[in-house]
Amino acid sequence: MTDFTMFQVDAFADGVFEGNPAAVVPLEHWLSDELMLSIAAENNLAETAFFVGVGEGYELRWFTPAAEVPLCGHATLASAHVLFAHLGFAGAEIVFQTKSGPLTVGRDNDLYVMDFPANPPKPTMVDEKIVDALGARPSMVLSGHHVLAVFDDMR
């Protein structure tokens, strides 16, 4: 049996039972993906965050009850809160290494400020598969994490 400490933090809230809850699990080393997924499923919250200290920063991962996700803002803020308020992190900012790149959370008096990655979609060629699937030709297609078809009107 592996022992660990778990916190439940309500992000974007001034009090308990408000905001967006996330579980936060600080680790000394990574657990298996299967075990982290089982813990997240048992928590049954939108996300459970797991982090491990590496050098001067932390590696951070997020799991829903069903799968690992590439990015989660409220669970990142919850993880920073655990480090600042409960685990004695004394620095001005925390850098989390994630699958979406580095995320930095700093303190601004009683607030936390996060540098969230921007991934704006970029114009791409209109693929005939998209035209066939939509039954109409979009005037523009934008591609990023998802594909967005833009039409000139609502016909």
C-alpha atoms as a PDB file:
ATOM      1  CA  MET A   1       0.000   0.000   0.000  1.00  0.00           C
ATOM      2  CA  THR A   2       1.327   3.429  -0.914  1.00  0.00           C
ATOM      3  CA  ASP A   3       0.739   6.226   1.583  1.00  0.00           C
ATOM      4  CA  PHE A   4       0.302   9.776   0.360  1.00  0.00           C
ATOM      5  CA  THR A   5      -1.340  13.011   1.416  1.00  0.00           C
ATOM      6  CA  MET A   6      -4.215  14.409  -0.588  1.00  0.00           C
ATOM      7  CA  PHE A   7      -5.759  17.875  -0.478  1.00  0.00           C
ATOM      8  CA  GLN A   8      -9.103  19.042  -1.842  1.00  0.00           C
ATOM      9  CA  VAL A   9      -8.967  22.691  -2.900  1.00  0.00           C
ATOM     10  CA  ASP A  10     -11.824  24.885  -4.108  1.00  0.00           C
ATOM     11  CA  ALA A  11     -10.296  27.086  -6.833  1.00  0.00           C
ATOM     12  CA  PHE A  12     -11.857  30.416  -7.797  1.00  0.00           C
ATOM     13  CA  ALA A  13     -13.549  30.656  -4.383  1.00  0.00           C
ATOM     14  CA  ASP A  14     -13.494  32.728  -1.220  1.00  0.00           C
ATOM     15  CA  GLY A  15     -14.836  29.939   0.976  1.00  0.00           C
ATOM     16  CA  VAL A  16     -15.353  26.212   1.300  1.00  0.00           C
ATOM     17  CA  PHE A  17     -17.953  24.462  -0.848  1.00  0.00           C
ATOM     18  CA  GLU A  18     -17.647  27.197  -3.479  1.00  0.00           C
ATOM     19  CA  GLY A  19     -15.713  27.493  -6.719  1.00  0.00           C
ATOM     20  CA  ASN A  20     -14.250  24.620  -8.710  1.00  0.00           C
ATOM     21  CA  PRO A  21     -12.918  21.715  -6.598  1.00  0.00           C
ATOM     22  CA  ALA A  22      -9.775  19.785  -7.452  1.00  0.00           C
ATOM     23  CA  ALA A  23      -7.896  17.085  -5.585  1.00  0.00           C
ATOM     24  CA  VAL A  24      -4.139  17.623  -5.273  1.00  0.00           C
ATOM     25  CA  VAL A  25      -1.711  14.796  -4.525  1.00  0.00           C
ATOM     26  CA  PRO A  26       1.933  15.762  -3.828  1.00  0.00           C
ATOM     27  CA  LEU A  27       4.251  12.833  -4.563  1.00  0.00           C
ATOM     28  CA  GLU A  28       7.913  12.023  -3.947  1.00  0.00           C
ATOM     29  CA  HIS A  29       7.974   9.926  -7.125  1.00  0.00           C
ATOM     30  CA  TRP A  30       5.476   9.107  -9.848  1.00  0.00           C
ATOM     31  CA  LEU A  31       2.899   6.426  -9.270  1.00  0.00           C
ATOM     32  CA  SER A  32       1.804   4.254 -12.178  1.00  0.00           C
ATOM     33  CA  ASP A  33      -0.662   5.841 -14.587  1.00  0.00           C
ATOM     34  CA  GLU A  34      -3.156   3.118 -13.660  1.00  0.00           C
ATOM     35  CA  LEU A  35      -2.935   3.958  -9.942  1.00  0.00           C
ATOM     36  CA  MET A  36      -3.245   7.715 -10.552  1.00  0.00           C
ATOM     37  CA  LEU A  37      -6.298   7.069 -12.727  1.00  0.00           C
ATOM     38  CA  SER A  38      -7.806   4.870  -9.997  1.00  0.00           C
ATOM     39  CA  ILE A  39      -7.216   7.597  -7.398  1.00  0.00           C
ATOM     40  CA  ALA A  40      -8.868  10.164  -9.680  1.00  0.00           C
ATOM     41  CA  ALA A  41     -11.819   7.833 -10.249  1.00  0.00           C
ATOM     42  CA  GLU A  42     -12.194   7.317  -6.495  1.00  0.00           C
ATOM     43  CA  ASN A  43     -12.090  11.101  -5.916  1.00  0.00           C
ATOM     44  CA  ASN A  44     -14.772  11.558  -8.588  1.00  0.00           C
ATOM     45  CA  LEU A  45     -13.898  15.239  -9.053  1.00  0.00           C
ATOM     46  CA  ALA A  46     -13.441  16.911 -12.426  1.00  0.00           C
ATOM     47  CA  GLU A  47      -9.649  16.673 -12.003  1.00  0.00           C
ATOM     48  CA  THR A  48      -7.074  15.279  -9.624  1.00  0.00           C
ATOM     49  CA  ALA A  49      -3.619  16.853  -9.904  1.00  0.00           C
ATOM     50  CA  PHE A  50      -0.421  14.961  -9.105  1.00  0.00           C
ATOM     51  CA  PHE A  51       2.968  16.663  -8.808  1.00  0.00           C
ATOM     52  CA  VAL A  52       6.568  15.642  -8.145  1.00  0.00           C
ATOM     53  CA  GLY A  53       9.408  18.009  -7.232  1.00  0.00           C
ATOM     54  CA  VAL A  54      12.138  18.089  -9.878  1.00  0.00           C
ATOM     55  CA  GLY A  55      15.103  20.422  -9.386  1.00  0.00           C
ATOM     56  CA  GLU A  56      13.790  23.901  -8.589  1.00  0.00           C
ATOM     57  CA  GLY A  57      10.321  23.219  -9.992  1.00  0.00           C
ATOM     58  CA  TYR A  58       7.688  20.547 -10.295  1.00  0.00           C
ATOM     59  CA  GLU A  59       6.288  18.163 -12.854  1.00  0.00           C
ATOM     60  CA  LEU A  60       2.485  18.266 -12.875  1.00  0.00           C
ATOM     61  CA  ARG A  61      -0.111  15.922 -14.378  1.00  0.00           C
ATOM     62  CA  TRP A  62      -3.928  15.931 -14.285  1.00  0.00           C
ATOM     63  CA  PHE A  63      -6.388  13.043 -14.356  1.00  0.00           C
ATOM     64  CA  THR A  64     -10.166  12.998 -14.661  1.00  0.00           C
ATOM     65  CA  PRO A  65     -12.008   9.912 -13.410  1.00  0.00           C
ATOM     66  CA  ALA A  66     -11.705   8.532 -16.968  1.00  0.00           C
ATOM     67  CA  ALA A  67      -8.377   9.718 -18.452  1.00  0.00           C
ATOM     68  CA  GLU A  68      -5.284  11.883 -18.210  1.00  0.00           C
ATOM     69  CA  VAL A  69      -5.835  15.376 -19.644  1.00  0.00           C
ATOM     70  CA  PRO A  70      -3.217  17.676 -21.225  1.00  0.00           C
ATOM     71  CA  LEU A  71      -4.130  20.865 -19.331  1.00  0.00           C
ATOM     72  CA  CYS A  72      -6.227  21.991 -16.364  1.00  0.00           C
ATOM     73  CA  GLY A  73      -6.191  25.549 -15.048  1.00  0.00           C
ATOM     74  CA  HIS A  74      -8.090  25.189 -11.783  1.00  0.00           C
ATOM     75  CA  ALA A  75      -6.121  22.107 -10.684  1.00  0.00           C
ATOM     76  CA  THR A  76      -2.874  23.960 -11.481  1.00  0.00           C
ATOM     77  CA  LEU A  77      -3.951  26.842  -9.243  1.00  0.00           C
ATOM     78  CA  ALA A  78      -5.010  24.324  -6.586  1.00  0.00           C
ATOM     79  CA  SER A  79      -1.563  22.686  -6.764  1.00  0.00           C
ATOM     80  CA  ALA A  80       0.145  26.053  -6.358  1.00  0.00           C
ATOM     81  CA  HIS A  81      -2.092  26.810  -3.368  1.00  0.00           C
ATOM     82  CA  VAL A  82      -1.061  23.535  -1.708  1.00  0.00           C
ATOM     83  CA  LEU A  83       2.613  24.361  -2.226  1.00  0.00           C
ATOM     84  CA  PHE A  84       2.330  27.980  -1.060  1.00  0.00           C
ATOM     85  CA  ALA A  85      -0.148  27.555   1.814  1.00  0.00           C
ATOM     86  CA  HIS A  86       0.453  24.027   3.103  1.00  0.00           C
ATOM     87  CA  LEU A  87       3.892  22.787   2.055  1.00  0.00           C
ATOM     88  CA  GLY A  88       5.951  25.902   2.803  1.00  0.00           C
ATOM     89  CA  PHE A  89       7.043  26.899  -0.702  1.00  0.00           C
ATOM     90  CA  ALA A  90       8.683  30.278  -0.050  1.00  0.00           C
ATOM     91  CA  GLY A  91       9.514  31.431  -3.575  1.00  0.00           C
ATOM     92  CA  ALA A  92       7.645  34.126  -5.465  1.00  0.00           C
ATOM     93  CA  GLU A  93       6.535  31.781  -8.241  1.00  0.00           C
ATOM     94  CA  ILE A  94       6.286  28.107  -9.031  1.00  0.00           C
ATOM     95  CA  VAL A  95       7.105  26.628 -12.428  1.00  0.00           C
ATOM     96  CA  PHE A  96       5.233  23.455 -13.300  1.00  0.00           C
ATOM     97  CA  GLN A  97       6.484  21.359 -16.207  1.00  0.00           C
ATOM     98  CA  THR A  98       3.486  19.826 -17.980  1.00  0.00           C
ATOM     99  CA  LYS A  99       2.603  18.073 -21.222  1.00  0.00           C
ATOM    100  CA  SER A 100       1.306  21.461 -22.419  1.00  0.00           C
ATOM    101  CA  GLY A 101       4.598  23.197 -21.616  1.00  0.00           C
ATOM    102  CA  PRO A 102       5.729  25.185 -18.579  1.00  0.00           C
ATOM    103  CA  LEU A 103       3.031  26.833 -16.431  1.00  0.00           C
ATOM    104  CA  THR A 104       4.040  29.521 -13.953  1.00  0.00           C
ATOM    105  CA  VAL A 105       1.963  30.502 -10.923  1.00  0.00           C
ATOM    106  CA  GLY A 106       2.978  33.507  -8.840  1.00  0.00           C
ATOM    107  CA  ARG A 107       1.581  35.334  -5.851  1.00  0.00           C
ATOM    108  CA  ASP A 108       0.022  38.798  -5.985  1.00  0.00           C
ATOM    109  CA  ASN A 109      -0.841  39.597  -2.356  1.00  0.00           C
ATOM    110  CA  ASP A 110      -3.622  37.117  -1.516  1.00  0.00           C
ATOM    111  CA  LEU A 111      -4.190  36.093  -5.142  1.00  0.00           C
ATOM    112  CA  TYR A 112      -2.484  33.640  -7.474  1.00  0.00           C
ATOM    113  CA  VAL A 113      -1.596  34.652 -11.025  1.00  0.00           C
ATOM    114  CA  MET A 114      -1.028  32.015 -13.684  1.00  0.00           C
ATOM    115  CA  ASP A 115       0.687  32.316 -17.044  1.00  0.00           C
ATOM    116  CA  PHE A 116      -1.605  30.132 -19.145  1.00  0.00           C
ATOM    117  CA  PRO A 117      -0.387  28.957 -22.575  1.00  0.00           C
ATOM    118  CA  ALA A 118      -2.002  30.500 -25.617  1.00  0.00           C
ATOM    119  CA  ASN A 119      -2.500  28.233 -28.589  1.00  0.00           C
ATOM    120  CA  PRO A 120      -4.447  30.289 -31.096  1.00  0.00           C
ATOM    121  CA  PRO A 121      -5.702  28.360 -34.117  1.00  0.00           C
ATOM    122  CA  LYS A 122      -4.053  29.029 -37.458  1.00  0.00           C
ATOM    123  CA  PRO A 123      -5.626  29.104 -40.918  1.00  0.00           C
ATOM    124  CA  THR A 124      -5.249  25.854 -42.810  1.00  0.00           C
ATOM    125  CA  MET A 125      -6.361  24.407 -46.142  1.00  0.00           C
ATOM    126  CA  VAL A 126     -10.007  23.376 -46.510  1.00  0.00           C
ATOM    127  CA  ASP A 127      -9.867  19.579 -46.653  1.00  0.00           C
ATOM    128  CA  GLU A 128     -12.484  17.899 -48.855  1.00  0.00           C
ATOM    129  CA  LYS A 129     -13.207  15.472 -45.989  1.00  0.00           C
ATOM    130  CA  ILE A 130     -14.409  18.449 -43.931  1.00  0.00           C
ATOM    131  CA  VAL A 131     -16.587  19.667 -46.820  1.00  0.00           C
ATOM    132  CA  ASP A 132     -18.085  16.175 -47.200  1.00  0.00           C
ATOM    133  CA  ALA A 133     -18.672  15.795 -43.445  1.00  0.00           C
ATOM    134  CA  LEU A 134     -20.300  19.228 -43.096  1.00  0.00           C
ATOM    135  CA  GLY A 135     -22.209  19.139 -46.370  1.00  0.00           C
ATOM    136  CA  ALA A 136     -20.997  22.655 -47.209  1.00  0.00           C
ATOM    137  CA  ARG A 137     -17.741  24.440 -47.981  1.00  0.00           C
ATOM    138  CA  PRO A 138     -16.506  26.676 -45.143  1.00  0.00           C
ATOM    139  CA  SER A 139     -14.987  30.013 -46.083  1.00  0.00           C
ATOM    140  CA  MET A 140     -12.094  29.283 -43.750  1.00  0.00           C
ATOM    141  CA  VAL A 141     -10.745  26.458 -41.590  1.00  0.00           C
ATOM    142  CA  LEU A 142      -8.661  27.116 -38.491  1.00  0.00           C
ATOM    143  CA  SER A 143      -6.582  24.402 -36.875  1.00  0.00           C
ATOM    144  CA  GLY A 144      -5.071  24.174 -33.385  1.00  0.00           C
ATOM    145  CA  HIS A 145      -5.964  21.630 -30.729  1.00  0.00           C
ATOM    146  CA  HIS A 146      -9.277  21.391 -32.566  1.00  0.00           C
ATOM    147  CA  VAL A 147     -10.506  22.240 -36.057  1.00  0.00           C
ATOM    148  CA  LEU A 148     -12.879  25.188 -36.514  1.00  0.00           C
ATOM    149  CA  ALA A 149     -14.874  25.650 -39.718  1.00  0.00           C
ATOM    150  CA  VAL A 150     -15.960  29.249 -40.420  1.00  0.00           C
ATOM    151  CA  PHE A 151     -18.940  30.030 -42.653  1.00  0.00           C
ATOM    152  CA  ASP A 152     -19.966  33.404 -44.096  1.00  0.00           C
ATOM    153  CA  ASP A 153     -23.609  32.878 -43.099  1.00  0.00           C
ATOM    154  CA  MET A 154     -25.849  30.446 -41.236  1.00  0.00           C
ATOM    155  CA  ARG A 155     -27.428  28.760 -44.269  1.00  0.00           C
END
